[in-house]
Protein backbone atom coordinates (compact mmCIF):
# COMPACT_ATOMS: atom_id res chain seq x y z
CA MET A 1 38.37 -58.33 39.83
CA ILE A 2 35.95 -61.82 39.63
CA VAL A 3 33.13 -61.44 37.91
CA MET A 4 30.17 -64.06 37.47
CA TYR A 5 26.51 -63.74 37.03
CA TYR A 6 24.15 -64.63 39.19
CA GLU A 7 23.18 -67.99 37.25
CA GLU A 8 26.60 -68.65 37.25
CA LEU A 9 26.52 -68.65 40.19
CA GLN A 10 23.54 -70.32 40.69
CA LEU A 11 25.26 -73.53 39.24
CA GLU A 12 28.14 -73.69 40.63
CA GLN A 13 26.44 -73.39 43.98
CA LEU A 14 24.90 -76.80 42.54
CA LYS A 15 27.39 -78.74 41.45
CA PHE A 16 29.62 -77.74 45.05
CA LEU A 17 26.88 -79.11 47.02
CA LYS A 18 25.86 -82.22 44.08
CA PRO A 19 24.33 -84.53 47.40
CA PHE A 20 22.54 -81.99 48.93
CA TRP A 21 20.04 -81.54 45.71
CA GLY A 22 17.28 -82.63 46.82
CA ARG A 23 17.45 -79.25 49.61
CA MET A 24 18.10 -76.83 47.70
CA ILE A 25 15.60 -75.25 46.45
CA SER A 26 14.13 -72.42 43.66
CA LEU A 27 11.18 -70.65 45.10
CA ASP A 28 8.99 -68.24 43.09
CA LEU A 29 5.29 -65.83 44.27
CA GLU A 30 2.58 -65.24 42.36
CA THR A 31 1.19 -62.65 43.12
CA LYS A 32 -1.98 -59.54 42.77
CA VAL A 33 -0.29 -56.44 43.43
CA LEU A 34 -3.31 -53.73 43.10
CA ASP A 35 -0.53 -50.70 43.61
CA ARG A 36 2.16 -50.28 42.71
CA HIS A 37 3.75 -48.60 44.66
CA GLU A 38 2.78 -49.84 47.47
CA MET A 39 5.19 -53.57 46.40
CA LEU A 40 4.91 -55.35 49.58
CA THR A 41 2.01 -54.36 51.43
CA ASN A 42 -1.08 -55.26 50.64
CA GLU A 43 -0.40 -58.08 48.22
CA THR A 44 -2.30 -61.28 47.98
CA ILE A 45 -0.22 -64.25 47.35
CA LEU A 46 -2.06 -66.27 44.18
CA SER A 47 0.58 -68.94 44.44
CA VAL A 48 4.25 -70.27 45.78
CA ASN A 49 6.29 -72.67 43.19
CA ILE A 50 8.66 -74.52 44.13
CA ALA A 51 11.06 -76.42 42.21
CA ARG A 52 14.39 -79.55 43.55
CA ARG A 53 16.55 -81.97 41.68
CA THR A 54 15.45 -85.26 42.95
CA SER A 55 17.54 -86.84 41.04
CA GLY A 56 19.96 -86.82 37.35
CA GLU A 57 22.50 -84.69 36.37
CA LEU A 58 22.07 -80.67 36.61
CA THR A 59 20.13 -80.68 32.44
CA HIS A 60 18.59 -83.84 33.04
CA ALA A 61 15.07 -85.40 34.02
CA GLY A 62 14.96 -85.30 37.87
CA THR A 63 13.86 -81.92 39.28
CA GLU A 64 10.05 -82.13 41.23
CA VAL A 65 8.40 -78.97 40.91
CA GLU A 66 5.00 -78.51 43.37
CA THR A 67 2.92 -75.56 42.78
CA ILE A 68 0.65 -73.61 45.88
CA ILE A 69 -2.07 -72.21 44.12
CA LEU A 70 -4.53 -70.01 47.11
CA SER A 71 -8.36 -71.47 46.65
CA ARG A 72 -10.88 -68.41 47.01
CA GLU A 73 -9.53 -64.17 48.14
CA ASP A 74 -9.76 -64.46 51.92
CA ASP A 75 -7.18 -64.59 54.82
CA GLU A 76 -8.41 -68.18 55.48
CA SER A 77 -7.23 -68.79 52.57
CA ASP A 78 -3.96 -66.55 52.37
CA LYS A 79 -3.67 -68.97 56.35
CA GLN A 80 -4.09 -72.38 54.67
CA LEU A 81 -1.28 -71.52 51.17
CA LEU A 82 1.08 -69.70 54.27
CA GLU A 83 0.16 -73.58 56.61
CA GLN A 84 0.88 -75.81 52.93
CA LEU A 85 4.11 -73.76 52.30
CA ASN A 86 5.74 -73.96 55.45
CA ASP A 87 4.62 -77.94 55.42
CA LYS A 88 6.28 -78.67 52.39
CA LEU A 89 9.02 -76.45 53.15
CA ALA A 90 9.41 -78.82 56.87
CA GLY A 91 9.55 -81.53 54.42
CA ILE A 92 12.35 -80.68 52.93
CA ARG A 93 14.42 -78.57 55.54
CA PRO A 94 16.16 -76.30 52.52
CA LEU A 95 19.47 -75.92 53.20
CA GLY A 96 20.08 -72.90 49.74
CA VAL A 97 17.22 -70.73 48.62
CA VAL A 98 17.19 -69.51 45.30
CA GLY A 99 15.20 -67.99 42.88
CA TYR A 100 14.97 -64.46 40.89
CA ALA A 101 14.06 -61.48 42.93
CA LEU A 102 14.32 -63.29 45.64
CA LYS A 103 16.19 -61.94 47.79
CA GLY A 104 14.72 -57.89 47.27
CA TYR A 105 10.63 -59.30 46.51
CA ASP A 106 9.08 -63.27 48.02
CA ILE A 107 11.78 -63.31 51.37
CA PRO A 108 10.26 -59.32 52.38
CA LEU A 109 6.50 -60.86 51.36
CA LEU A 110 7.02 -64.07 53.46
CA SER A 111 8.53 -62.37 55.98
C-alpha cells in the first residue's frame, strides 16, 4: 500500500500539470457562521480567495492571488460576490481546484 499525504498529492499534481498551472487554482471561502450546529445552511460568504501560478517555479515568485470581498451583508451583495467569482473563473477556466477541506465545505457551500 502506498501512503501519500494530501499536500504531497497536490504537489505531484502541480508538477504533472506544469503546462497548465495558470488553470489550476486554489480556492478558499471565508464565511460567517451563526450556528455551528447548522453548517452549510444560512451562512454568509464574506470573501473568496483564489490563487494560481502565473509564472516561475513552484517555490518562486509568480503566484497571483485575488480576494473578492463582500461589500455588505445582504442578498444583493452576496449575489454580486458570486457573480464576480463566476466572471473570474470564466476567465481562468480552471482544470483543477485544490484547497483545504474543499470537498467537505467550500464546494458544498457554493452548491
